[in-house]
């Protein structure tokens, strides 16, 4: 793995895999939905879509034909702390992939017609998410958990913010945010390093060297308590229970990942085995960690019948109490460690996953670490560290509960949470 600084402040992180059959290239902005002002909600996600509607040299169909002609993939995504445009091609087509990425970031048309069309597409996407309660519940939870903070806003924006979006405002947003110091190029696969570095530097030399990032953000302040949201026609109750957890840059993040694996992050986890396999109370139940540089959250999700929602919440709380009072067994810790190491190793089979890993490391840490370093950190984590973590972060007064259920059903019988409707 290597890291180099390119002209203008761009960073290139790369990993040569000499026997790979492909190369994945990503242009990652160090900015995502959390870096939008309140009146800019959904702008990065909108740009992620709209840039593909045509550039100076390619129509939307032309972009598709150009990547299809070499059997490659060209796509993008937005998350809360980054926006990425990426391609995956055969090694002999690296220059074509870079040409297309340069077209998207340097020469987009962003015509009024394209913006009008994409506005309709994204409004339909928002409706689709709202019609999928297992997705919508996570947006509701984040809004409740991070009130009055950009982390709590939906990545795609709101119907109001998308309807209000104007072309001139979007163009201004694009030109202020897309700048060389905010750009990380991540490449993994088979390629010629000196040739690649020269190709990127020459194609992106026209990027501005300064960006307007807006005012600094306040520190996230997670909110405890509970809220019930109702939506007509839902057959199930969907719920999230969350608690704070160490940040992405904390040395305790490995303990957080392992604690999550034991609780609900694998098929052998406590929640999957008790709630689904033994009692049959839910088809879907799992837990996950969302880590940012300044905050972290462990979230349990479950979808169950409204009649069983209270019981499922009680079972989740019971497992959380057990983690706080008794910790994890030696066998559980060993299984979680092997599970985590196996997942990380299997991800190395994909050039796309390796490319993403390089970019995320650069954005979060400003340095690259090896798989062996991660394995050592995982193996060093002790049962006492997991117990200390659970006792510090999973206390009842720090828990947040979000529920989404049918409006026509009787009020849910939930355990001792301070409810707001």
Protein backbone atom coordinates (compact mmCIF):
# COMPACT_ATOMS: atom_id res chain seq x y z
CA UNK A 1 0.00 0.00 0.00
CA UNK A 2 1.17 3.52 -0.71
CA UNK A 3 0.06 7.10 -0.07
CA UNK A 4 1.17 10.14 -2.02
CA UNK A 5 0.23 13.80 -2.20
CA UNK A 6 -0.75 15.05 -5.65
CA UNK A 7 -0.76 18.65 -6.97
CA UNK A 8 -3.38 20.91 -5.43
CA UNK A 9 -3.71 18.83 -2.27
CA UNK A 10 -5.27 15.69 -3.73
CA UNK A 11 -4.25 12.43 -2.04
CA UNK A 12 -3.68 9.12 -3.82
CA UNK A 13 -3.88 5.91 -1.80
CA UNK A 14 -3.27 2.70 -3.69
CA UNK A 15 -2.61 -0.99 -3.37
CA UNK A 16 -1.08 -3.11 -6.11
CA UNK A 17 -2.49 -6.62 -6.47
CA UNK A 18 -0.35 -8.10 -9.22
CA UNK A 19 -2.49 -11.20 -9.84
CA UNK A 20 -5.80 -9.28 -9.87
CA UNK A 21 -7.93 -9.40 -12.99
CA UNK A 22 -9.40 -5.91 -12.45
CA UNK A 23 -8.67 -2.50 -11.01
CA UNK A 24 -11.06 -0.40 -8.92
CA UNK A 25 -10.66 3.38 -8.94
CA UNK A 26 -12.56 5.78 -6.71
CA UNK A 27 -12.67 9.57 -6.47
CA UNK A 28 -13.84 10.18 -2.89
CA UNK A 29 -14.90 13.52 -1.49
CA UNK A 30 -14.18 13.96 2.22
CA UNK A 31 -17.69 15.44 2.42
CA UNK A 32 -21.11 13.85 2.79
CA UNK A 33 -24.61 14.71 3.90
CA UNK A 34 -23.45 15.80 7.36
CA UNK A 35 -21.50 18.63 5.72
CA UNK A 36 -24.60 20.22 4.17
CA UNK A 37 -26.21 23.31 5.64
CA UNK A 38 -29.79 22.97 6.80
CA UNK A 39 -31.09 24.54 3.59
CA UNK A 40 -28.89 22.22 1.48
CA UNK A 41 -30.29 18.89 2.66
CA UNK A 42 -29.85 16.18 0.03
CA UNK A 43 -27.52 18.21 -2.22
CA UNK A 44 -24.60 15.73 -2.26
CA UNK A 45 -26.98 12.86 -3.00
CA UNK A 46 -28.65 14.94 -5.72
CA UNK A 47 -25.26 15.66 -7.30
CA UNK A 48 -24.35 11.98 -7.12
CA UNK A 49 -27.36 11.36 -9.39
CA UNK A 50 -27.32 14.47 -11.56
CA UNK A 51 -23.66 14.33 -12.62
CA UNK A 52 -24.46 11.18 -14.58
CA UNK A 53 -27.08 13.04 -16.65
CA UNK A 54 -24.47 14.34 -19.07
CA UNK A 55 -21.11 16.10 -19.36
CA UNK A 56 -19.38 18.32 -21.89
CA UNK A 57 -18.34 15.34 -24.02
CA UNK A 58 -20.88 12.65 -23.06
CA UNK A 59 -24.64 12.40 -22.88
CA UNK A 60 -26.12 10.23 -20.14
CA UNK A 61 -26.45 7.42 -22.67
CA UNK A 62 -22.90 8.11 -23.88
CA UNK A 63 -21.49 7.61 -20.39
CA UNK A 64 -23.33 4.31 -20.14
CA UNK A 65 -22.12 3.17 -23.56
CA UNK A 66 -18.51 4.16 -22.81
CA UNK A 67 -18.28 2.03 -19.67
CA UNK A 68 -20.35 -0.82 -21.12
CA UNK A 69 -18.04 -0.96 -24.14
CA UNK A 70 -15.16 -2.07 -21.89
CA UNK A 71 -17.26 -4.34 -19.66
CA UNK A 72 -16.76 -2.08 -16.67
CA UNK A 73 -18.80 -0.50 -13.91
CA UNK A 74 -19.29 3.22 -13.22
CA UNK A 75 -21.32 4.32 -10.23
CA UNK A 76 -21.50 6.55 -7.15
CA UNK A 77 -22.92 6.70 -3.65
CA UNK A 78 -23.40 9.17 -0.81
CA UNK A 79 -23.06 8.54 2.92
CA UNK A 80 -23.00 10.86 5.90
CA UNK A 81 -19.26 11.52 5.85
CA UNK A 82 -18.23 10.95 2.21
CA UNK A 83 -19.39 11.00 -1.41
CA UNK A 84 -17.73 8.60 -3.85
CA UNK A 85 -17.58 8.20 -7.62
CA UNK A 86 -15.95 4.98 -8.71
CA UNK A 87 -15.19 2.66 -11.60
CA UNK A 88 -14.09 -0.95 -11.91
CA UNK A 89 -12.47 -2.06 -15.15
CA UNK A 90 -9.88 -4.36 -16.65
CA UNK A 91 -6.32 -3.07 -16.15
CA UNK A 92 -5.97 -2.08 -19.82
CA UNK A 93 -8.93 0.30 -19.48
CA UNK A 94 -7.71 2.40 -16.53
CA UNK A 95 -7.31 5.51 -18.68
CA UNK A 96 -10.90 5.25 -19.94
CA UNK A 97 -12.17 4.98 -16.36
CA UNK A 98 -10.17 8.05 -15.34
CA UNK A 99 -11.49 9.98 -18.35
CA UNK A 100 -15.06 9.25 -17.28
CA UNK A 101 -14.44 10.17 -13.63
CA UNK A 102 -12.85 13.43 -14.78
CA UNK A 103 -15.88 14.17 -16.97
CA UNK A 104 -18.21 13.72 -14.00
CA UNK A 105 -16.24 15.91 -11.59
CA UNK A 106 -14.85 18.58 -13.92
CA UNK A 107 -17.23 18.90 -16.84
CA UNK A 108 -20.82 18.10 -15.82
CA UNK A 109 -23.64 19.87 -17.63
CA UNK A 110 -26.14 20.03 -14.75
CA UNK A 111 -28.72 21.39 -17.18
CA UNK A 112 -32.12 22.56 -16.01
CA UNK A 113 -33.73 19.67 -17.85
CA UNK A 114 -31.47 17.13 -16.11
CA UNK A 115 -32.17 18.67 -12.72
CA UNK A 116 -35.92 18.63 -13.31
CA UNK A 117 -35.78 14.98 -14.39
CA UNK A 118 -33.61 13.95 -11.47
CA UNK A 119 -35.80 15.82 -9.02
CA UNK A 120 -38.64 13.50 -10.01
CA UNK A 121 -36.42 10.43 -9.65
CA UNK A 122 -35.26 11.37 -6.15
CA UNK A 123 -38.77 12.26 -4.98
CA UNK A 124 -39.79 8.74 -6.05
CA UNK A 125 -36.77 7.34 -4.19
CA UNK A 126 -37.89 9.13 -1.02
CA UNK A 127 -41.38 7.65 -1.40
CA UNK A 128 -39.85 4.19 -1.89
CA UNK A 129 -37.88 4.49 1.35
CA UNK A 130 -40.98 5.64 3.24
CA UNK A 131 -42.86 2.65 1.85
CA UNK A 132 -40.15 0.29 3.18
CA UNK A 133 -40.46 0.47 6.97
CA UNK A 134 -37.32 -1.57 7.58
CA UNK A 135 -35.40 1.26 5.84
CA UNK A 136 -37.51 4.19 6.99
CA UNK A 137 -37.14 3.26 10.67
CA UNK A 138 -33.40 3.93 10.49
CA UNK A 139 -33.96 7.47 9.19
CA UNK A 140 -36.49 8.04 11.97
CA UNK A 141 -34.05 6.71 14.54
CA UNK A 142 -31.17 8.91 13.37
CA UNK A 143 -33.42 11.99 13.45
CA UNK A 144 -34.41 11.17 17.02
CA UNK A 145 -30.93 10.14 18.16
CA UNK A 146 -29.12 13.19 16.71
CA UNK A 147 -31.71 15.98 17.05
CA UNK A 148 -30.73 19.34 15.59
CA UNK A 149 -27.51 17.90 14.16
CA UNK A 150 -26.65 17.13 10.50
CA UNK A 151 -26.01 13.46 11.38
CA UNK A 152 -29.74 13.16 12.10
CA UNK A 153 -30.83 14.29 8.64
CA UNK A 154 -31.73 11.80 5.88
CA UNK A 155 -28.92 11.42 3.34
CA UNK A 156 -31.26 11.95 0.38
CA UNK A 157 -32.85 15.05 1.90
CA UNK A 158 -36.55 15.64 2.38
CA UNK A 159 -39.38 16.16 -0.07
CA UNK A 160 -39.41 19.85 0.83
CA UNK A 161 -35.65 20.33 0.34
CA UNK A 162 -35.65 18.51 -3.02
CA UNK A 163 -38.68 20.40 -4.30
CA UNK A 164 -37.06 23.69 -3.28
CA UNK A 165 -33.71 22.91 -4.95
CA UNK A 166 -32.77 25.42 -7.67
CA UNK A 167 -30.22 24.97 -10.43
CA UNK A 168 -28.23 28.09 -9.54
CA UNK A 169 -27.95 27.05 -5.91
CA UNK A 170 -26.87 23.53 -6.86
CA UNK A 171 -24.20 24.84 -9.24
CA UNK A 172 -22.86 27.14 -6.54
CA UNK A 173 -22.81 24.24 -4.06
CA UNK A 174 -20.94 22.05 -6.58
CA UNK A 175 -18.26 24.63 -7.38
CA UNK A 176 -17.66 25.46 -3.71
CA UNK A 177 -17.37 21.86 -2.53
CA UNK A 178 -15.53 20.04 -5.34
CA UNK A 179 -11.90 21.02 -4.69
CA UNK A 180 -8.57 19.21 -4.79
CA UNK A 181 -7.88 19.16 -1.01
CA UNK A 182 -11.22 17.43 -0.46
CA UNK A 183 -10.51 14.68 -3.00
CA UNK A 184 -9.03 11.26 -2.23
CA UNK A 185 -8.22 8.91 -5.08
CA UNK A 186 -8.23 5.27 -4.03
CA UNK A 187 -7.04 2.53 -6.39
CA UNK A 188 -6.71 -1.22 -5.86
CA UNK A 189 -5.88 -3.94 -8.35
CA UNK A 190 -3.38 -4.36 -11.18
CA UNK A 191 -1.95 -1.10 -12.48
CA UNK A 192 1.28 0.76 -13.24
CA UNK A 193 1.91 3.09 -10.22
CA UNK A 194 3.97 5.87 -11.89
CA UNK A 195 1.71 5.93 -14.93
CA UNK A 196 -1.41 6.02 -12.75
CA UNK A 197 -0.14 8.91 -10.63
CA UNK A 198 0.72 10.95 -13.73
CA UNK A 199 -2.64 10.18 -15.33
CA UNK A 200 -4.62 11.32 -12.28
CA UNK A 201 -2.52 14.47 -11.74
CA UNK A 202 -2.89 15.56 -15.38
CA UNK A 203 -6.63 14.90 -15.64
CA UNK A 204 -7.58 16.65 -12.40
CA UNK A 205 -5.12 19.55 -12.48
CA UNK A 206 -7.97 21.99 -13.16
CA UNK A 207 -9.67 21.36 -9.82
CA UNK A 208 -9.82 24.43 -7.58
CA UNK A 209 -7.42 24.34 -4.64
CA UNK A 210 -9.79 25.83 -2.05
CA UNK A 211 -13.26 24.83 -0.90
CA UNK A 212 -15.97 26.61 1.07
CA UNK A 213 -16.90 24.09 3.75
CA UNK A 214 -19.24 26.31 5.71
CA UNK A 215 -19.22 26.84 9.48
CA UNK A 216 -17.77 24.15 11.78
CA UNK A 217 -20.22 21.60 13.08
CA UNK A 218 -21.21 21.29 16.73
CA UNK A 219 -20.33 18.08 18.54
CA UNK A 220 -23.09 15.47 18.19
CA UNK A 221 -25.16 15.08 21.36
CA UNK A 222 -27.07 11.74 21.30
CA UNK A 223 -30.54 11.90 22.81
CA UNK A 224 -32.01 9.14 24.97
CA UNK A 225 -35.71 8.38 25.40
CA UNK A 226 -38.33 6.92 23.10
CA UNK A 227 -40.66 7.90 20.29
CA UNK A 228 -43.50 6.03 18.62
CA UNK A 229 -44.21 6.86 14.97
CA UNK A 230 -47.36 5.63 13.26
CA UNK A 231 -48.01 4.91 9.60
CA UNK A 232 -51.24 3.59 8.19
CA UNK A 233 -51.28 0.06 6.81
CA UNK A 234 -48.25 -1.45 8.56
CA UNK A 235 -48.72 -5.06 9.65
CA UNK A 236 -45.54 -5.18 11.72
CA UNK A 237 -43.93 -3.01 14.34
CA UNK A 238 -40.39 -1.94 13.44
CA UNK A 239 -38.06 -0.79 16.17
CA UNK A 240 -34.55 0.45 16.79
CA UNK A 241 -32.83 0.58 20.14
CA UNK A 242 -29.56 2.52 20.16
CA UNK A 243 -26.80 3.48 22.55
CA UNK A 244 -23.60 5.55 22.25
CA UNK A 245 -20.38 3.73 21.50
CA UNK A 246 -16.73 4.85 21.01
CA UNK A 247 -15.90 6.89 17.91
CA UNK A 248 -14.31 5.68 14.70
CA UNK A 249 -10.90 7.00 15.72
CA UNK A 250 -10.98 5.53 19.24
CA UNK A 251 -8.65 2.60 20.05
CA UNK A 252 -11.75 0.99 21.63
CA UNK A 253 -13.51 0.68 18.29
CA UNK A 254 -12.44 -2.96 17.98
CA UNK A 255 -14.07 -3.71 21.31
CA UNK A 256 -17.22 -1.99 20.02
CA UNK A 257 -17.25 -4.12 16.86
CA UNK A 258 -16.74 -7.30 18.89
CA UNK A 259 -19.44 -6.40 21.41
CA UNK A 260 -21.82 -5.80 18.50
CA UNK A 261 -20.95 -9.19 16.99
CA UNK A 262 -21.82 -10.94 20.25
CA UNK A 263 -25.06 -8.99 20.74
CA UNK A 264 -26.64 -9.15 17.29
CA UNK A 265 -24.06 -8.84 14.53
CA UNK A 266 -23.93 -12.47 13.44
CA UNK A 267 -26.13 -15.55 13.07
CA UNK A 268 -24.72 -17.02 16.29
CA UNK A 269 -25.32 -13.77 18.20
CA UNK A 270 -27.40 -13.68 21.35
CA UNK A 271 -30.30 -11.76 19.84
CA UNK A 272 -30.54 -13.79 16.63
CA UNK A 273 -30.49 -17.05 18.53
CA UNK A 274 -32.91 -16.05 21.29
CA UNK A 275 -35.46 -13.82 19.54
CA UNK A 276 -35.58 -15.51 16.14
CA UNK A 277 -34.28 -19.06 16.41
CA UNK A 278 -35.61 -20.07 19.84
CA UNK A 279 -38.76 -17.97 20.24
CA UNK A 280 -39.67 -17.18 16.61
CA UNK A 281 -40.72 -13.63 17.48
CA UNK A 282 -39.03 -11.90 14.52
CA UNK A 283 -37.82 -12.73 11.05
CA UNK A 284 -35.35 -9.85 11.05
CA UNK A 285 -33.29 -8.93 14.09
CA UNK A 286 -29.71 -7.72 14.11
CA UNK A 287 -27.39 -5.08 15.47
CA UNK A 288 -24.85 -2.79 13.84
CA UNK A 289 -22.42 -0.03 14.72
CA UNK A 290 -22.29 3.34 12.93
CA UNK A 291 -19.02 5.05 13.75
CA UNK A 292 -18.03 8.62 12.90
CA UNK A 293 -14.93 10.60 13.81
CA UNK A 294 -16.84 12.42 16.56
CA UNK A 295 -19.61 10.02 17.56
CA UNK A 296 -20.69 6.40 17.53
CA UNK A 297 -23.88 4.41 17.88
CA UNK A 298 -24.73 0.75 18.39
CA UNK A 299 -28.22 0.05 17.04
CA UNK A 300 -30.44 -3.02 17.37
CA UNK A 301 -33.17 -3.39 14.73
CA UNK A 302 -36.13 -5.77 14.85
CA UNK A 303 -39.33 -6.24 12.86
CA UNK A 304 -42.09 -8.15 14.66
CA UNK A 305 -45.83 -8.28 15.19
CA UNK A 306 -47.24 -5.29 17.04
CA UNK A 307 -48.58 -7.63 19.71
CA UNK A 308 -45.06 -8.92 20.43
CA UNK A 309 -43.21 -5.60 20.21
CA UNK A 310 -43.12 -5.07 23.97
CA UNK A 311 -41.79 -8.57 24.54
CA UNK A 312 -39.11 -8.14 21.87
CA UNK A 313 -38.00 -4.86 23.44
CA UNK A 314 -37.80 -6.57 26.83
CA UNK A 315 -35.66 -9.38 25.37
CA UNK A 316 -33.29 -6.87 23.78
CA UNK A 317 -33.00 -4.96 27.04
CA UNK A 318 -32.40 -8.23 28.89
CA UNK A 319 -29.44 -9.10 26.65
CA UNK A 320 -28.04 -5.59 27.09
CA UNK A 321 -28.32 -5.94 30.88
CA UNK A 322 -26.55 -9.29 30.76
CA UNK A 323 -23.70 -7.77 28.77
CA UNK A 324 -23.37 -5.03 31.40
CA UNK A 325 -23.54 -7.33 34.40
CA UNK A 326 -21.80 -10.50 33.22
CA UNK A 327 -19.90 -9.56 30.08
CA UNK A 328 -19.14 -12.17 27.44
CA UNK A 329 -17.77 -15.68 27.80
CA UNK A 330 -14.34 -16.70 26.55
CA UNK A 331 -16.01 -18.81 23.82
CA UNK A 332 -18.17 -15.89 22.68
CA UNK A 333 -15.18 -13.57 22.45
CA UNK A 334 -13.17 -16.11 20.48
CA UNK A 335 -16.06 -16.68 18.03
CA UNK A 336 -16.52 -12.92 17.60
CA UNK A 337 -12.82 -12.41 16.96
CA UNK A 338 -12.67 -15.15 14.35
CA UNK A 339 -15.89 -13.89 12.75
CA UNK A 340 -14.52 -10.37 12.48
CA UNK A 341 -11.16 -11.48 11.11
CA UNK A 342 -12.85 -13.77 8.61
CA UNK A 343 -15.15 -10.99 7.40
CA UNK A 344 -12.22 -8.62 6.93
CA UNK A 345 -10.16 -11.25 5.11
CA UNK A 346 -12.99 -12.25 2.77
CA UNK A 347 -13.50 -8.61 1.81
CA UNK A 348 -9.91 -8.63 0.51
CA UNK A 349 -11.04 -10.88 -2.35
CA UNK A 350 -12.65 -7.84 -4.03
CA UNK A 351 -10.67 -4.98 -5.58
CA UNK A 352 -13.72 -2.79 -4.97
CA UNK A 353 -13.70 -3.55 -1.24
CA UNK A 354 -9.96 -2.92 -1.01
CA UNK A 355 -10.36 0.39 -2.82
CA UNK A 356 -13.13 1.45 -0.41
CA UNK A 357 -11.05 0.40 2.59
CA UNK A 358 -8.11 2.54 1.43
CA UNK A 359 -10.31 5.60 0.96
CA UNK A 360 -12.09 5.23 4.29
CA UNK A 361 -8.78 4.84 6.14
CA UNK A 362 -7.41 7.99 4.53
CA UNK A 363 -10.55 10.02 5.27
CA UNK A 364 -10.80 8.86 8.89
CA UNK A 365 -7.16 8.49 9.94
CA UNK A 366 -4.93 10.10 7.33
CA UNK A 367 -2.86 6.91 7.23
CA UNK A 368 -3.07 3.33 5.95
CA UNK A 369 -2.98 0.23 8.11
CA UNK A 370 -2.60 -3.40 7.10
CA UNK A 371 -4.89 -6.35 7.65
CA UNK A 372 -2.26 -7.80 9.99
CA UNK A 373 -2.49 -4.69 12.19
CA UNK A 374 -6.26 -5.06 12.41
CA UNK A 375 -5.92 -8.76 13.29
CA UNK A 376 -3.47 -7.95 16.09
CA UNK A 377 -5.82 -5.32 17.52
CA UNK A 378 -8.74 -7.75 17.38
CA UNK A 379 -6.77 -10.53 19.06
CA UNK A 380 -5.53 -8.18 21.81
CA UNK A 381 -9.08 -7.23 22.84
CA UNK A 382 -10.04 -8.81 26.16
CA UNK A 383 -13.27 -9.81 27.86
CA UNK A 384 -12.65 -7.12 30.47
CA UNK A 385 -12.52 -4.45 27.76
CA UNK A 386 -15.90 -5.57 26.43
CA UNK A 387 -17.36 -5.57 29.95
CA UNK A 388 -15.96 -2.08 30.65
CA UNK A 389 -17.40 -0.85 27.36
CA UNK A 390 -20.85 -2.29 28.06
CA UNK A 391 -20.95 -0.87 31.57
CA UNK A 392 -19.88 2.59 30.41
CA UNK A 393 -22.07 2.97 27.32
CA UNK A 394 -25.05 0.60 27.57
CA UNK A 395 -26.61 2.03 30.71
CA UNK A 396 -30.43 2.42 30.66
CA UNK A 397 -30.37 6.22 30.83
CA UNK A 398 -28.37 6.35 27.57
CA UNK A 399 -30.68 4.13 25.49
CA UNK A 400 -32.92 5.46 22.71
CA UNK A 401 -35.95 3.63 21.29
CA UNK A 402 -37.68 4.40 18.00
CA UNK A 403 -40.83 2.53 16.94
CA UNK A 404 -42.72 2.57 13.64
CA UNK A 405 -46.10 0.82 13.65
CA UNK A 406 -49.56 0.86 12.10
CA UNK A 407 -51.79 3.77 13.07
CA UNK A 408 -54.90 1.63 13.31
CA UNK A 409 -53.52 -0.66 15.99
CA UNK A 410 -53.94 -0.31 19.74
CA UNK A 411 -51.11 1.48 21.61
CA UNK A 412 -48.08 -0.73 22.02
CA UNK A 413 -47.32 -2.20 25.42
CA UNK A 414 -43.71 -1.10 25.76
CA UNK A 415 -41.44 -1.36 28.80
CA UNK A 416 -40.23 1.51 30.93
CA UNK A 417 -39.25 4.16 28.38
CA UNK A 418 -40.23 7.82 28.48
CA UNK A 419 -42.42 7.91 25.39
CA UNK A 420 -43.10 10.82 23.08
CA UNK A 421 -45.54 10.55 20.16
